[in-house]
């Protein structure tokens, strides 16, 4: 029996935290090679697509939305155009995004939008693109998009889009302190380059081909939050703190209230606190909320982009 064409499709994709991020030296093309240990979080984006004559995007959600573009620069529209160009599809779609990952918060919310849009439109349009080709499109959209597509725990190298799965066990509990402002990823990288230039004589050698420390992989395999807390690392943290010094107070507050460790998520400004267990995460959430911070709890790792039923 032939299945009736879908009138709409809903998909979800996760935000992420980088439990480790090492940045290589500045290359001639203006980019850096990186080594990232990604963990997909239960804080996710939801995308609903339906047939339309042209492409359009609408956004709603629980986070500040003023910085989300509603024109062709929106990454979901870019994802739709890329899929249509690859498959020869000539129709449009209405793309509705429900956002829960902070915008320009260093947690890959836009990347999750792109991954969910690719998956949902492939199902709506019936284009049936093979998975490896979907991942190829994801790489063209941004360095974090392939991981939002695959989820779980993975190591990213190159620009962060060359993924290899990492063994992980158990569940890690995170409390995320959300800022009222965003940080531009290119600006944070530029500040890191300036920082390294200023302090070049006194810093360690910057590797052109960075790698993830073995201790990080061991902690993830063991599913041990205390082990992981000891090895959390982000080369971009100093740059983010220089651009937004108030984040240092947030880090101190979390660690004073029971976090095993805190780390700037990606390029920031979200601060991710690792807790020992669910009860500890709840207590930390209450303490930070009492200090007038906007916080949410999340767990990881979780699956990547997936179709969900209504």
Protein backbone atom coordinates (compact mmCIF):
# COMPACT_ATOMS: atom_id res chain seq x y z
CA UNK A 1 0.00 0.00 0.00
CA UNK A 2 1.35 3.45 -0.94
CA UNK A 3 1.79 5.77 2.03
CA UNK A 4 -0.02 9.10 1.76
CA UNK A 5 2.28 12.13 1.33
CA UNK A 6 3.05 13.93 4.56
CA UNK A 7 1.52 17.35 5.09
CA UNK A 8 3.96 18.29 7.85
CA UNK A 9 6.97 16.80 9.62
CA UNK A 10 8.43 17.58 13.04
CA UNK A 11 12.06 17.00 13.99
CA UNK A 12 14.26 17.70 17.00
CA UNK A 13 18.01 18.23 17.30
CA UNK A 14 20.10 18.74 20.43
CA UNK A 15 22.20 21.59 21.71
CA UNK A 16 25.69 20.68 22.84
CA UNK A 17 28.42 21.38 25.31
CA UNK A 18 32.09 21.12 24.46
CA UNK A 19 33.67 19.33 27.40
CA UNK A 20 37.05 19.94 25.77
CA UNK A 21 38.09 22.47 23.14
CA UNK A 22 41.64 23.05 22.00
CA UNK A 23 42.31 25.59 19.26
CA UNK A 24 45.25 25.32 16.88
CA UNK A 25 47.21 28.21 15.48
CA UNK A 26 45.74 30.67 12.99
CA UNK A 27 45.98 29.29 9.45
CA UNK A 28 46.64 31.19 6.24
CA UNK A 29 42.95 30.90 5.32
CA UNK A 30 41.92 32.71 8.51
CA UNK A 31 40.58 29.59 10.24
CA UNK A 32 41.89 27.37 13.01
CA UNK A 33 41.99 23.61 13.30
CA UNK A 34 40.39 22.47 16.54
CA UNK A 35 40.03 19.37 18.68
CA UNK A 36 36.65 19.12 20.40
CA UNK A 37 34.97 16.60 22.65
CA UNK A 38 31.26 17.16 22.00
CA UNK A 39 28.38 16.03 24.20
CA UNK A 40 24.78 16.37 22.96
CA UNK A 41 22.37 17.68 25.59
CA UNK A 42 18.69 17.18 26.34
CA UNK A 43 18.12 20.90 25.70
CA UNK A 44 16.91 20.75 22.12
CA UNK A 45 15.46 22.70 19.21
CA UNK A 46 12.24 21.63 17.51
CA UNK A 47 11.44 22.29 13.85
CA UNK A 48 8.11 21.74 12.10
CA UNK A 49 7.96 21.96 8.31
CA UNK A 50 4.93 21.99 6.02
CA UNK A 51 4.37 22.44 2.31
CA UNK A 52 4.26 25.98 0.91
CA UNK A 53 4.85 27.80 -2.37
CA UNK A 54 8.01 29.49 -1.06
CA UNK A 55 10.47 29.17 1.78
CA UNK A 56 9.72 31.05 5.01
CA UNK A 57 10.78 30.77 8.63
CA UNK A 58 9.06 31.63 11.92
CA UNK A 59 10.53 31.36 15.40
CA UNK A 60 9.15 31.03 18.91
CA UNK A 61 10.50 29.57 22.11
CA UNK A 62 11.77 30.10 25.63
CA UNK A 63 14.95 32.07 24.82
CA UNK A 64 15.65 35.61 23.66
CA UNK A 65 14.78 35.68 19.95
CA UNK A 66 15.65 39.21 18.85
CA UNK A 67 18.96 38.09 17.33
CA UNK A 68 17.37 35.35 15.17
CA UNK A 69 17.09 36.46 11.51
CA UNK A 70 13.87 35.75 9.65
CA UNK A 71 15.23 36.21 6.14
CA UNK A 72 17.51 34.22 3.87
CA UNK A 73 20.41 34.50 6.33
CA UNK A 74 18.61 32.18 8.76
CA UNK A 75 20.51 28.89 8.78
CA UNK A 76 17.28 26.87 8.44
CA UNK A 77 16.49 28.67 5.16
CA UNK A 78 20.06 28.03 4.04
CA UNK A 79 19.64 24.33 4.89
CA UNK A 80 16.41 24.17 2.89
CA UNK A 81 17.98 25.84 -0.14
CA UNK A 82 20.99 23.53 0.00
CA UNK A 83 18.79 20.41 0.15
CA UNK A 84 16.58 21.67 -2.69
CA UNK A 85 19.61 22.46 -4.86
CA UNK A 86 21.15 19.05 -4.22
CA UNK A 87 17.96 17.08 -4.94
CA UNK A 88 16.35 19.25 -7.61
CA UNK A 89 13.25 19.95 -5.49
CA UNK A 90 11.42 23.06 -6.74
CA UNK A 91 8.77 23.63 -4.07
CA UNK A 92 8.91 25.60 -0.85
CA UNK A 93 8.20 25.05 2.82
CA UNK A 94 7.03 26.82 5.91
CA UNK A 95 9.65 26.29 8.61
CA UNK A 96 8.56 26.83 12.22
CA UNK A 97 11.34 26.72 14.82
CA UNK A 98 10.73 26.37 18.54
CA UNK A 99 13.96 27.44 20.21
CA UNK A 100 15.18 26.37 23.64
CA UNK A 101 18.94 26.57 23.11
CA UNK A 102 20.37 30.06 23.79
CA UNK A 103 20.94 32.19 20.70
CA UNK A 104 24.66 32.97 20.11
CA UNK A 105 25.27 31.18 23.40
CA UNK A 106 28.00 28.75 22.38
CA UNK A 107 25.68 25.73 22.50
CA UNK A 108 25.04 25.13 18.81
CA UNK A 109 21.40 26.20 18.68
CA UNK A 110 21.60 27.39 15.09
CA UNK A 111 23.40 24.20 14.13
CA UNK A 112 20.60 22.18 15.71
CA UNK A 113 18.05 24.19 13.69
CA UNK A 114 19.93 23.37 10.50
CA UNK A 115 20.23 19.65 11.28
CA UNK A 116 16.56 19.32 12.23
CA UNK A 117 15.49 21.25 9.13
CA UNK A 118 17.53 19.02 6.82
CA UNK A 119 16.04 15.88 8.35
CA UNK A 120 12.46 17.18 8.42
CA UNK A 121 12.48 18.53 4.86
CA UNK A 122 14.06 15.36 3.49
CA UNK A 123 11.07 13.49 4.94
CA UNK A 124 8.48 16.09 3.87
CA UNK A 125 9.78 16.42 0.33
CA UNK A 126 10.45 12.70 -0.06
CA UNK A 127 13.94 13.40 -1.35
CA UNK A 128 15.43 10.42 0.54
CA UNK A 129 19.00 11.68 0.51
CA UNK A 130 21.53 9.09 1.77
CA UNK A 131 22.94 9.77 5.22
CA UNK A 132 26.47 10.44 4.01
CA UNK A 133 25.15 13.08 1.60
CA UNK A 134 23.09 14.65 4.39
CA UNK A 135 26.25 14.92 6.48
CA UNK A 136 28.05 16.48 3.51
CA UNK A 137 25.35 19.17 3.35
CA UNK A 138 25.60 19.60 7.13
CA UNK A 139 29.33 20.34 6.84
CA UNK A 140 28.63 23.05 4.27
CA UNK A 141 26.25 24.75 6.71
CA UNK A 142 28.64 24.99 9.64
CA UNK A 143 31.26 23.21 11.69
CA UNK A 144 28.84 22.13 14.46
CA UNK A 145 25.98 21.02 12.20
CA UNK A 146 27.25 17.47 11.58
CA UNK A 147 27.41 16.84 15.32
CA UNK A 148 23.85 18.15 15.84
CA UNK A 149 22.87 15.62 13.18
CA UNK A 150 24.66 12.66 14.83
CA UNK A 151 24.49 13.54 18.55
CA UNK A 152 25.80 11.37 21.35
CA UNK A 153 29.43 11.92 22.25
CA UNK A 154 32.04 12.53 19.57
CA UNK A 155 35.45 13.94 18.84
CA UNK A 156 35.58 16.70 16.24
CA UNK A 157 38.77 17.65 14.45
CA UNK A 158 39.68 19.82 11.48
CA UNK A 159 37.14 22.65 11.68
CA UNK A 160 35.24 20.52 14.20
CA UNK A 161 33.20 18.77 11.50
CA UNK A 162 35.40 15.69 11.03
CA UNK A 163 33.67 13.45 13.55
CA UNK A 164 34.58 10.18 15.19
CA UNK A 165 32.32 8.62 17.85
CA UNK A 166 33.65 8.50 21.40
CA UNK A 167 32.73 5.82 23.90
CA UNK A 168 30.73 7.19 26.81
CA UNK A 169 28.72 5.60 29.58
CA UNK A 170 26.20 6.84 32.11
CA UNK A 171 24.49 10.21 32.25
CA UNK A 172 26.13 13.54 32.96
CA UNK A 173 24.14 16.26 34.72
CA UNK A 174 24.61 19.88 33.69
CA UNK A 175 23.28 23.21 34.96
CA UNK A 176 23.48 25.94 32.33
CA UNK A 177 23.63 29.62 33.27
CA UNK A 178 22.18 31.58 30.36
CA UNK A 179 23.39 35.10 29.64
CA UNK A 180 21.15 37.97 28.58
CA UNK A 181 23.57 38.74 25.75
CA UNK A 182 25.34 36.85 23.00
CA UNK A 183 28.94 36.56 21.89
CA UNK A 184 30.03 36.37 18.26
CA UNK A 185 32.07 33.25 17.60
CA UNK A 186 34.38 35.02 15.08
CA UNK A 187 34.91 37.83 17.60
CA UNK A 188 35.89 35.38 20.33
CA UNK A 189 38.34 33.60 18.02
CA UNK A 190 39.80 36.98 17.03
CA UNK A 191 40.24 37.86 20.70
CA UNK A 192 42.00 34.52 21.27
CA UNK A 193 44.43 35.38 18.45
CA UNK A 194 45.07 38.80 19.97
CA UNK A 195 45.56 37.22 23.40
CA UNK A 196 48.08 34.75 22.02
CA UNK A 197 49.89 37.51 20.16
CA UNK A 198 50.13 39.65 23.31
CA UNK A 199 51.41 36.79 25.46
CA UNK A 200 53.36 34.80 22.86
CA UNK A 201 56.67 34.73 24.77
CA UNK A 202 55.06 33.30 27.88
CA UNK A 203 52.56 30.76 26.55
CA UNK A 204 52.93 27.15 25.57
CA UNK A 205 53.47 26.21 21.96
CA UNK A 206 50.21 26.25 20.01
CA UNK A 207 49.79 23.04 18.04
CA UNK A 208 48.81 23.23 14.38
CA UNK A 209 47.02 19.86 14.73
CA UNK A 210 45.48 19.81 18.22
CA UNK A 211 44.14 16.63 19.83
CA UNK A 212 41.78 15.78 22.68
CA UNK A 213 43.59 14.73 25.85
CA UNK A 214 43.44 11.02 26.68
CA UNK A 215 42.19 11.84 30.20
CA UNK A 216 39.04 13.33 28.70
CA UNK A 217 38.29 10.18 26.72
CA UNK A 218 38.92 8.06 29.82
CA UNK A 219 36.52 10.14 31.93
CA UNK A 220 33.80 9.89 29.28
CA UNK A 221 34.25 6.13 28.94
CA UNK A 222 34.05 5.75 32.73
CA UNK A 223 30.93 7.92 32.94
CA UNK A 224 32.56 9.58 35.95
CA UNK A 225 31.60 13.26 36.43
CA UNK A 226 34.33 13.86 39.00
CA UNK A 227 36.98 12.60 36.59
CA UNK A 228 35.51 14.72 33.80
CA UNK A 229 35.37 17.81 36.02
CA UNK A 230 39.13 17.60 36.49
CA UNK A 231 39.83 17.72 32.75
CA UNK A 232 37.24 20.16 31.36
CA UNK A 233 39.09 22.60 29.13
CA UNK A 234 38.26 25.39 26.68
CA UNK A 235 40.95 27.42 24.91
CA UNK A 236 38.30 30.06 24.09
CA UNK A 237 37.42 30.66 27.74
CA UNK A 238 40.08 33.30 28.41
CA UNK A 239 39.00 35.22 25.31
CA UNK A 240 35.32 35.06 26.27
CA UNK A 241 36.12 36.24 29.80
CA UNK A 242 38.17 39.12 28.44
CA UNK A 243 35.25 40.23 26.26
CA UNK A 244 32.68 39.65 29.05
CA UNK A 245 34.40 39.87 32.47
CA UNK A 246 31.10 39.37 34.33
CA UNK A 247 31.17 35.70 33.33
CA UNK A 248 33.97 35.15 35.86
CA UNK A 249 31.52 35.95 38.66
CA UNK A 250 29.07 33.41 37.27
CA UNK A 251 31.78 30.74 37.20
CA UNK A 252 32.77 31.50 40.80
CA UNK A 253 29.16 31.48 41.98
CA UNK A 254 28.48 28.05 40.53
CA UNK A 255 31.60 26.49 41.96
CA UNK A 256 30.86 28.04 45.37
CA UNK A 257 27.43 26.39 45.29
CA UNK A 258 28.42 22.81 44.65
CA UNK A 259 29.34 22.50 40.96
CA UNK A 260 32.15 20.05 40.37
CA UNK A 261 33.45 22.46 37.73
CA UNK A 262 32.29 25.18 35.41
CA UNK A 263 33.29 25.97 31.85
CA UNK A 264 32.36 28.52 29.21
CA UNK A 265 30.38 26.61 26.58
CA UNK A 266 32.12 26.94 23.23
CA UNK A 267 32.58 30.62 22.42
CA UNK A 268 30.18 31.57 25.21
CA UNK A 269 28.53 33.27 26.92
CA UNK A 270 26.60 30.30 28.35
CA UNK A 271 28.36 28.85 31.41
CA UNK A 272 27.99 25.08 31.82
CA UNK A 273 28.33 23.60 35.30
CA UNK A 274 28.92 19.89 35.76
CA UNK A 275 27.15 18.38 38.77
CA UNK A 276 27.83 15.12 40.58
CA UNK A 277 24.30 13.78 40.12
CA UNK A 278 20.66 14.76 39.63
CA UNK A 279 20.12 15.91 43.22
CA UNK A 280 23.27 18.04 43.14
CA UNK A 281 22.13 19.58 39.86
CA UNK A 282 18.74 20.45 41.38
CA UNK A 283 20.40 22.09 44.38
CA UNK A 284 22.72 24.08 42.15
CA UNK A 285 19.82 25.18 39.95
CA UNK A 286 17.96 26.47 43.00
CA UNK A 287 21.02 28.32 44.33
CA UNK A 288 21.80 30.02 41.03
CA UNK A 289 18.16 30.93 40.48
CA UNK A 290 18.12 32.53 43.93
CA UNK A 291 21.09 34.61 42.79
CA UNK A 292 18.91 35.96 39.94
CA UNK A 293 20.61 33.93 37.23
CA UNK A 294 18.55 32.30 34.48
CA UNK A 295 19.42 28.63 34.59
CA UNK A 296 18.22 25.36 33.08
CA UNK A 297 19.17 21.77 33.76
CA UNK A 298 20.16 19.33 31.04
CA UNK A 299 21.58 15.85 30.75
CA UNK A 300 23.85 14.22 28.22
CA UNK A 301 24.61 12.49 26.05
CA UNK A 302 21.42 12.23 23.96
CA UNK A 303 20.62 11.23 20.39
CA UNK A 304 21.11 13.55 17.45
CA UNK A 305 18.52 14.92 15.02
CA UNK A 306 15.44 12.73 14.75
CA UNK A 307 11.89 12.76 13.44
CA UNK A 308 9.30 12.95 16.22
CA UNK A 309 5.60 12.13 16.08
CA UNK A 310 2.85 14.56 16.99
